[in-house]
Amino acid sequence: MPRNRDERPGAGNGRNGSENKKPGMNMKKVFAISFCIVLGIVFISGGVIYKLGHDLYSSVNYVADDDVKVVETLPDVAEEETLSTEERTGRAVDKDELSSIHDQMKKQEVEVKSDDDVYNIVLAGVDRQERTWNGNSDAIILISINKAKDKVTMISLMRDTYVNIPDVGYKKLNAAYAYGAGPLLCQTITETFGIEVNRYVAVDFWDLIDIIDIIGGVDLEMTAREAEVANGYINDMCERLMNLDASEHQLPYAGGMVHCDGVQAVAYARNRMVGNSDFERTQRQRYVLTQLMEEAKRLSVAQITEKMQAILEHVTMNVPETEIWSMVTELPDMLDYKFEQIRVPYDNMYEILYVNGQDMLVPYWEDTLAKLQDAIYG
């Protein structure tokens, strides 16, 4: 059952969420609910009369771009983990080399692509234990719908990608949301990757758990090791942060195909300890989203409309209602589109640099931009 927001950690109490941190078990490893879920569920119920759709839309936390919280300095709770020189995997660079890298990034000519047949929207999974700040978007998934090519592309933009955030400076990509929420994240992606995007959908950790539970859970296939690690996250989430009995959410030790509730699914997707760290975690994130969409598609129109208002109360976005309804008639065709998944940086097209106590992913920009833009626009 969805929890009252006031019962969530840090909801209105102003406490620093870092007080009870445990190494490797912090709440900064969260991810987004798919545009396919947010708009897809609305569109699937397109046969419902407009008034009902309008009433449902009013449940969404719509925030105009001019109304977002923009900050110059992040609060103490936003302090990120640093890696010692022994823990780092990236190549250390001195100030002169770093300055040279910045100069190269500034000189990189990025032609912003746009196409009337391509609709791009960013899904931001926000990592905050309290709502006193925007939060870092530790999951960033760009959904691109190409109506001319009958294709939907789901692109994970890795949070540790080293970028130049407009009016902020050189940071990890996930910091753009912390400084200027969805609009700044969209602007950063546009100027960095040359992909025109100005729409976003965002949820935080607690929202996603509730949305999955409202849908009725999700089927996930996992290894025994993935289940073991997820159970560690479940223990931390339930006992330290949610005041729940962790034993009621434990995954079977042997793994396999499991019908997961919200806590279990989010714990599974937080895992970066199995496989290739954050690279493989983005794959788990996309897997959860696609499986969640499959669950939504099994619901009847009556079931969808019954659940919709509760779901939309957990969603923040800047997609105008008129824009949503203009796409309603196109949804049946979109559901049959070819579906592709991408992760950026691409394999063998980046290096890891150790900058300011953190490992940063630095793509080979020229090759990356050409490959990404071709995937989206053709």
Protein backbone atom coordinates (compact mmCIF):
# COMPACT_ATOMS: atom_id res chain seq x y z
CA MET A 1 0.00 0.00 0.00
CA PRO A 2 1.47 3.42 -0.90
CA ARG A 3 2.83 5.29 2.09
CA ASN A 4 1.79 8.76 3.10
CA ARG A 5 4.44 11.25 2.04
CA ASP A 6 4.69 12.56 5.60
CA GLU A 7 5.87 9.12 6.75
CA ARG A 8 8.82 9.17 4.38
CA PRO A 9 12.32 9.97 5.61
CA GLY A 10 13.01 13.69 5.66
CA ALA A 11 9.50 14.67 4.63
CA GLY A 12 9.27 18.16 6.04
CA ASN A 13 11.53 17.55 9.04
CA GLY A 14 14.62 19.23 7.59
CA ARG A 15 16.96 16.52 8.88
CA ASN A 16 20.17 15.86 7.06
CA GLY A 17 19.72 12.55 5.25
CA SER A 18 23.44 11.81 5.60
CA GLU A 19 23.29 11.25 9.35
CA ASN A 20 22.73 7.51 9.12
CA LYS A 21 24.66 6.72 5.97
CA LYS A 22 26.19 3.26 5.55
CA PRO A 23 29.00 2.72 3.04
CA GLY A 24 27.63 1.43 -0.24
CA MET A 25 24.07 1.56 1.03
CA ASN A 26 23.02 5.18 0.55
CA MET A 27 19.87 6.31 -1.17
CA LYS A 28 21.63 7.94 -4.11
CA LYS A 29 21.20 4.92 -6.36
CA VAL A 30 17.78 5.37 -7.80
CA PHE A 31 16.20 5.49 -11.19
CA ALA A 32 13.33 6.67 -13.26
CA ILE A 33 9.87 5.53 -14.27
CA SER A 34 9.63 5.28 -18.02
CA PHE A 35 7.89 7.74 -20.30
CA CYS A 36 6.25 4.63 -21.68
CA ILE A 37 4.63 4.14 -18.28
CA VAL A 38 3.62 7.73 -17.70
CA LEU A 39 2.31 8.60 -21.15
CA GLY A 40 1.73 5.02 -22.21
CA ILE A 41 -0.82 4.35 -19.50
CA VAL A 42 -2.56 7.62 -20.29
CA PHE A 43 -2.58 6.87 -23.99
CA ILE A 44 -3.76 3.28 -23.61
CA SER A 45 -6.81 4.68 -21.91
CA GLY A 46 -7.30 7.07 -24.83
CA GLY A 47 -10.80 5.71 -25.36
CA VAL A 48 -11.87 7.28 -22.09
CA ILE A 49 -13.72 10.54 -22.52
CA TYR A 50 -11.69 13.73 -22.56
CA LYS A 51 -13.07 15.00 -19.27
CA LEU A 52 -11.81 11.97 -17.43
CA GLY A 53 -8.42 12.35 -19.08
CA HIS A 54 -8.36 16.00 -18.13
CA ASP A 55 -9.20 15.17 -14.54
CA LEU A 56 -6.42 12.57 -14.46
CA TYR A 57 -3.90 15.01 -15.87
CA SER A 58 -4.72 17.44 -13.09
CA SER A 59 -3.25 14.86 -10.68
CA VAL A 60 0.21 15.27 -12.22
CA ASN A 61 2.70 17.59 -10.56
CA TYR A 62 3.11 19.80 -13.63
CA VAL A 63 5.87 22.37 -13.14
CA ALA A 64 6.43 25.13 -15.66
CA ASP A 65 10.09 25.62 -16.51
CA ASP A 66 10.09 29.12 -15.02
CA ASP A 67 8.90 27.74 -11.69
CA VAL A 68 11.64 25.17 -11.01
CA LYS A 69 14.08 25.63 -8.18
CA VAL A 70 17.41 26.92 -9.50
CA VAL A 71 20.36 27.09 -7.09
CA GLU A 72 23.97 28.22 -7.26
CA THR A 73 25.16 26.17 -4.28
CA LEU A 74 23.98 22.72 -3.29
CA PRO A 75 23.00 21.92 0.33
CA ASP A 76 25.23 19.82 2.58
CA VAL A 77 22.98 16.80 2.07
CA ALA A 78 23.99 16.81 -1.59
CA GLU A 79 27.63 16.07 -0.82
CA GLU A 80 28.80 13.20 -3.02
CA GLU A 81 31.03 10.30 -2.08
CA THR A 82 34.69 10.66 -2.99
CA LEU A 83 37.10 7.90 -3.86
CA SER A 84 40.56 7.54 -2.44
CA THR A 85 43.43 7.07 -4.86
CA GLU A 86 43.39 3.37 -3.93
CA GLU A 87 39.68 3.04 -4.76
CA ARG A 88 39.75 4.91 -8.05
CA THR A 89 39.70 3.14 -11.39
CA GLY A 90 40.24 6.24 -13.50
CA ARG A 91 43.50 7.75 -14.71
CA ALA A 92 44.62 10.68 -12.60
CA VAL A 93 45.10 13.97 -14.43
CA ASP A 94 46.90 17.09 -13.32
CA LYS A 95 45.53 20.64 -13.59
CA ASP A 96 47.20 21.34 -16.90
CA GLU A 97 45.81 18.23 -18.57
CA LEU A 98 42.37 18.84 -17.09
CA SER A 99 42.43 22.41 -18.41
CA SER A 100 43.35 21.05 -21.83
CA ILE A 101 40.44 18.59 -21.68
CA HIS A 102 38.08 21.44 -20.82
CA ASP A 103 39.37 23.45 -23.75
CA GLN A 104 38.79 20.52 -26.08
CA MET A 105 35.24 20.12 -24.78
CA LYS A 106 34.55 23.81 -25.35
CA LYS A 107 35.88 23.63 -28.89
CA GLN A 108 33.86 20.53 -29.72
CA GLU A 109 31.33 21.71 -32.27
CA VAL A 110 27.97 20.20 -31.43
CA GLU A 111 25.30 20.62 -34.05
CA VAL A 112 21.92 20.22 -32.36
CA LYS A 113 19.76 17.91 -34.42
CA SER A 114 15.99 18.28 -34.59
CA ASP A 115 13.24 16.67 -36.61
CA ASP A 116 9.47 17.18 -36.51
CA ASP A 117 9.04 13.37 -36.67
CA VAL A 118 11.22 12.78 -33.60
CA TYR A 119 9.93 13.34 -30.07
CA ASN A 120 12.52 13.25 -27.26
CA ILE A 121 11.84 13.21 -23.54
CA VAL A 122 14.14 12.65 -20.55
CA LEU A 123 13.26 10.35 -17.68
CA ALA A 124 14.96 11.44 -14.47
CA GLY A 125 15.25 9.19 -11.43
CA VAL A 126 15.94 11.53 -8.54
CA ASP A 127 18.11 10.56 -5.58
CA ARG A 128 16.86 12.44 -2.55
CA GLN A 129 15.85 11.39 0.92
CA GLU A 130 14.20 14.73 1.60
CA ARG A 131 12.39 17.21 -0.61
CA THR A 132 14.27 20.31 0.46
CA TRP A 133 16.40 20.16 -2.71
CA ASN A 134 16.07 19.01 -6.31
CA GLY A 135 18.24 15.91 -5.92
CA ASN A 136 20.72 14.36 -8.32
CA SER A 137 19.30 12.45 -11.27
CA ASP A 138 21.22 9.24 -10.77
CA ALA A 139 19.22 7.60 -13.55
CA ILE A 140 18.90 9.45 -16.82
CA ILE A 141 17.07 7.76 -19.68
CA LEU A 142 16.36 9.53 -22.93
CA ILE A 143 13.31 8.17 -24.75
CA SER A 144 13.30 9.03 -28.45
CA ILE A 145 10.22 8.31 -30.58
CA ASN A 146 10.92 8.41 -34.31
CA LYS A 147 7.53 8.36 -36.03
CA ALA A 148 9.04 8.34 -39.52
CA LYS A 149 11.05 5.20 -38.80
CA ASP A 150 8.48 3.53 -36.49
CA LYS A 151 11.09 3.23 -33.77
CA VAL A 152 11.42 3.94 -30.04
CA THR A 153 14.94 4.19 -28.65
CA MET A 154 15.64 3.99 -24.90
CA ILE A 155 19.05 5.53 -24.16
CA SER A 156 20.72 5.37 -20.76
CA LEU A 157 22.96 8.41 -20.30
CA MET A 158 25.32 7.40 -17.54
CA ARG A 159 25.25 9.63 -14.50
CA ASP A 160 29.06 9.85 -14.20
CA THR A 161 29.53 11.31 -17.68
CA TYR A 162 31.76 14.38 -17.40
CA VAL A 163 29.99 17.37 -18.95
CA ASN A 164 29.91 21.15 -18.91
CA ILE A 165 26.63 22.11 -17.22
CA PRO A 166 25.50 25.55 -18.47
CA ASP A 167 26.19 28.32 -15.92
CA VAL A 168 27.47 25.72 -13.43
CA GLY A 169 30.67 24.23 -14.81
CA TYR A 170 32.28 20.83 -15.25
CA LYS A 171 30.45 18.19 -13.25
CA LYS A 172 28.91 14.78 -13.55
CA LEU A 173 25.79 14.79 -15.70
CA ASN A 174 23.61 13.83 -12.74
CA ALA A 175 24.37 17.16 -11.05
CA ALA A 176 22.43 19.12 -13.67
CA TYR A 177 19.13 18.17 -12.06
CA ALA A 178 20.37 19.19 -8.63
CA TYR A 179 21.19 22.71 -9.82
CA GLY A 180 18.24 23.37 -12.09
CA ALA A 181 15.91 20.36 -12.11
CA GLY A 182 14.45 19.06 -15.37
CA PRO A 183 14.97 22.15 -17.55
CA LEU A 184 18.70 22.35 -16.81
CA LEU A 185 19.09 18.61 -17.34
CA CYS A 186 17.37 18.94 -20.72
CA GLN A 187 19.54 21.91 -21.66
CA THR A 188 22.70 20.07 -20.66
CA ILE A 189 21.78 17.02 -22.73
CA THR A 190 20.88 19.19 -25.71
CA GLU A 191 24.12 21.16 -25.66
CA THR A 192 26.31 18.16 -24.82
CA PHE A 193 24.92 15.48 -27.11
CA GLY A 194 23.35 17.59 -29.86
CA ILE A 195 19.94 16.00 -29.26
CA GLU A 196 17.09 18.50 -29.02
CA VAL A 197 15.09 17.74 -25.89
CA ASN A 198 13.01 20.04 -23.71
CA ARG A 199 10.57 17.65 -22.02
CA TYR A 200 11.17 15.58 -18.91
CA VAL A 201 9.40 13.26 -16.49
CA ALA A 202 10.80 12.79 -12.98
CA VAL A 203 10.15 10.60 -9.97
CA ASP A 204 12.09 10.07 -6.78
CA PHE A 205 12.87 6.88 -4.90
CA TRP A 206 9.67 6.76 -2.91
CA ASP A 207 7.50 7.62 -5.91
CA LEU A 208 8.85 4.73 -7.93
CA ILE A 209 8.28 2.19 -5.18
CA ASP A 210 4.67 3.34 -4.89
CA ILE A 211 4.09 3.37 -8.66
CA ILE A 212 5.31 -0.22 -8.99
CA ASP A 213 3.04 -1.29 -6.13
CA ILE A 214 0.05 0.51 -7.67
CA ILE A 215 0.61 -1.31 -10.96
CA GLY A 216 0.69 -4.57 -9.05
CA GLY A 217 4.39 -5.42 -9.11
CA VAL A 218 6.66 -6.54 -11.91
CA ASP A 219 8.15 -9.87 -13.08
CA LEU A 220 11.96 -9.86 -12.98
CA GLU A 221 14.37 -12.67 -13.77
CA MET A 222 17.56 -12.50 -11.71
CA THR A 223 20.55 -14.58 -10.75
CA ALA A 224 21.16 -15.89 -7.24
CA ARG A 225 23.92 -13.31 -6.77
CA GLU A 226 21.64 -10.47 -7.91
CA ALA A 227 18.98 -11.63 -5.44
CA GLU A 228 21.56 -11.80 -2.65
CA VAL A 229 22.77 -8.24 -3.25
CA ALA A 230 19.22 -6.93 -3.66
CA ASN A 231 18.33 -8.42 -0.27
CA GLY A 232 21.11 -6.36 1.28
CA TYR A 233 19.57 -3.22 -0.18
CA ILE A 234 16.13 -4.36 0.98
CA ASN A 235 17.39 -4.73 4.55
CA ASP A 236 18.88 -1.24 4.49
CA MET A 237 15.85 0.39 2.86
CA CYS A 238 13.30 -1.25 5.13
CA GLU A 239 15.06 -1.14 8.48
CA ARG A 240 16.90 2.19 8.28
CA LEU A 241 14.71 4.33 6.08
CA MET A 242 11.18 2.97 5.69
CA ASN A 243 10.31 1.40 9.04
CA LEU A 244 9.19 -1.82 7.35
CA ASP A 245 9.77 -5.47 8.19
CA ALA A 246 12.53 -6.46 5.76
CA SER A 247 11.69 -10.15 6.11
CA GLU A 248 8.41 -9.53 4.27
CA HIS A 249 10.29 -8.33 1.19
CA GLN A 250 13.22 -10.75 0.96
CA LEU A 251 13.86 -12.28 -2.45
CA PRO A 252 14.37 -16.04 -2.86
CA TYR A 253 18.04 -16.88 -2.43
CA ALA A 254 18.09 -18.93 -5.65
CA GLY A 255 16.83 -16.05 -7.76
CA GLY A 256 14.92 -17.02 -10.91
CA MET A 257 11.78 -15.33 -12.18
CA VAL A 258 10.26 -13.37 -9.31
CA HIS A 259 7.14 -11.23 -9.14
CA CYS A 260 8.57 -8.22 -7.30
CA ASP A 261 6.88 -5.52 -5.29
CA GLY A 262 8.12 -1.95 -5.37
CA VAL A 263 10.76 -2.38 -2.68
CA GLN A 264 12.15 -5.52 -4.31
CA ALA A 265 12.19 -4.08 -7.84
CA VAL A 266 13.96 -0.87 -6.77
CA ALA A 267 16.48 -2.84 -4.71
CA TYR A 268 17.22 -5.03 -7.75
CA ALA A 269 17.74 -1.97 -9.95
CA ARG A 270 20.00 -0.24 -7.41
CA ASN A 271 22.52 -3.05 -7.67
CA ARG A 272 25.88 -2.08 -9.10
CA MET A 273 27.86 -4.71 -7.19
CA VAL A 274 27.19 -7.53 -9.65
CA GLY A 275 28.76 -7.32 -13.08
CA ASN A 276 30.30 -4.19 -14.51
CA SER A 277 29.30 -1.66 -11.85
CA ASP A 278 27.09 1.19 -13.07
CA PHE A 279 27.25 0.00 -16.67
CA GLU A 280 25.32 -3.15 -15.85
CA ARG A 281 23.06 -1.32 -13.43
CA THR A 282 21.71 0.82 -16.28
CA GLN A 283 20.77 -2.41 -18.03
CA ARG A 284 18.81 -3.49 -14.95
CA GLN A 285 17.08 -0.12 -14.89
CA ARG A 286 15.92 -0.47 -18.48
CA TYR A 287 14.84 -4.05 -17.81
CA VAL A 288 12.63 -2.98 -14.90
CA LEU A 289 11.05 -0.24 -17.02
CA THR A 290 10.27 -2.52 -19.95
CA GLN A 291 8.84 -5.19 -17.64
CA LEU A 292 6.75 -2.56 -15.88
CA MET A 293 5.36 -1.45 -19.22
CA GLU A 294 4.45 -5.06 -19.97
CA GLU A 295 2.50 -5.20 -16.71
CA ALA A 296 0.67 -1.98 -17.60
CA LYS A 297 -0.24 -3.30 -21.05
CA ARG A 298 -1.98 -6.29 -19.45
CA LEU A 299 -4.41 -4.06 -17.58
CA SER A 300 -7.86 -3.32 -18.92
CA VAL A 301 -8.98 0.23 -19.59
CA ALA A 302 -11.11 0.08 -16.44
CA GLN A 303 -8.13 -1.08 -14.35
CA ILE A 304 -5.90 1.59 -15.83
CA THR A 305 -8.29 4.42 -15.15
CA GLU A 306 -8.77 3.11 -11.61
CA LYS A 307 -5.02 3.21 -10.94
CA MET A 308 -4.16 6.28 -12.99
CA GLN A 309 -4.88 9.04 -10.52
CA ALA A 310 -2.82 7.36 -7.80
CA ILE A 311 0.08 6.86 -10.23
CA LEU A 312 0.09 10.39 -11.62
CA GLU A 313 0.22 11.91 -8.14
CA HIS A 314 3.80 10.61 -7.99
CA VAL A 315 4.93 12.14 -11.30
CA THR A 316 6.60 15.52 -11.89
CA MET A 317 6.90 16.74 -15.48
CA ASN A 318 6.77 19.70 -17.83
CA VAL A 319 4.73 18.04 -20.60
CA PRO A 320 1.67 20.24 -21.30
CA GLU A 321 -1.73 18.61 -21.42
CA THR A 322 -2.34 19.81 -24.98
CA GLU A 323 0.86 18.07 -26.09
CA ILE A 324 -0.21 14.80 -24.51
CA TRP A 325 -3.61 14.82 -26.14
CA SER A 326 -2.10 15.62 -29.51
CA MET A 327 -0.28 12.29 -29.28
CA VAL A 328 -3.18 10.18 -28.07
CA THR A 329 -4.35 9.21 -31.54
CA GLU A 330 -0.83 8.05 -32.43
CA LEU A 331 -0.39 5.70 -29.48
CA PRO A 332 -1.82 2.51 -31.05
CA ASP A 333 0.79 2.77 -33.79
CA MET A 334 3.57 3.61 -31.30
CA LEU A 335 2.92 0.46 -29.29
CA ASP A 336 3.89 -1.57 -32.37
CA TYR A 337 7.11 0.36 -33.05
CA LYS A 338 10.50 -1.32 -33.07
CA PHE A 339 12.14 -0.95 -29.67
CA GLU A 340 15.89 -0.40 -29.22
CA GLN A 341 18.11 0.11 -26.16
CA ILE A 342 21.40 2.02 -26.03
CA ARG A 343 23.87 3.02 -23.34
CA VAL A 344 26.13 6.07 -23.57
CA PRO A 345 29.11 6.04 -23.26
CA TYR A 346 29.31 3.25 -25.80
CA ASP A 347 31.65 0.32 -25.20
CA ASN A 348 35.27 1.10 -26.11
CA MET A 349 34.40 4.75 -26.81
CA TYR A 350 35.35 6.47 -23.54
CA GLU A 351 38.01 6.75 -20.87
CA ILE A 352 37.76 7.09 -17.11
CA LEU A 353 39.50 10.06 -15.49
CA TYR A 354 40.00 10.67 -11.79
CA VAL A 355 38.91 14.26 -11.17
CA ASN A 356 38.26 15.98 -7.82
CA GLY A 357 38.13 12.70 -5.97
CA GLN A 358 35.68 11.06 -8.38
CA ASP A 359 35.84 8.79 -11.40
CA MET A 360 34.45 10.57 -14.46
CA LEU A 361 33.40 8.98 -17.75
CA VAL A 362 34.77 10.97 -20.69
CA PRO A 363 33.37 9.79 -24.05
CA TYR A 364 35.26 10.07 -27.30
CA TRP A 365 32.95 12.88 -28.23
CA GLU A 366 33.24 13.04 -32.00
CA ASP A 367 32.53 9.35 -32.52
CA THR A 368 29.92 9.23 -29.75
CA LEU A 369 27.88 12.14 -31.08
CA ALA A 370 27.90 10.79 -34.62
CA LYS A 371 26.77 7.34 -33.51
CA LEU A 372 24.10 8.62 -31.10
CA GLN A 373 22.59 11.11 -33.52
CA ASP A 374 22.48 8.48 -36.24
CA ALA A 375 20.66 6.09 -33.88
CA ILE A 376 18.01 8.71 -33.12
CA TYR A 377 17.61 10.56 -36.39
CA GLY A 378 19.01 8.12 -38.97
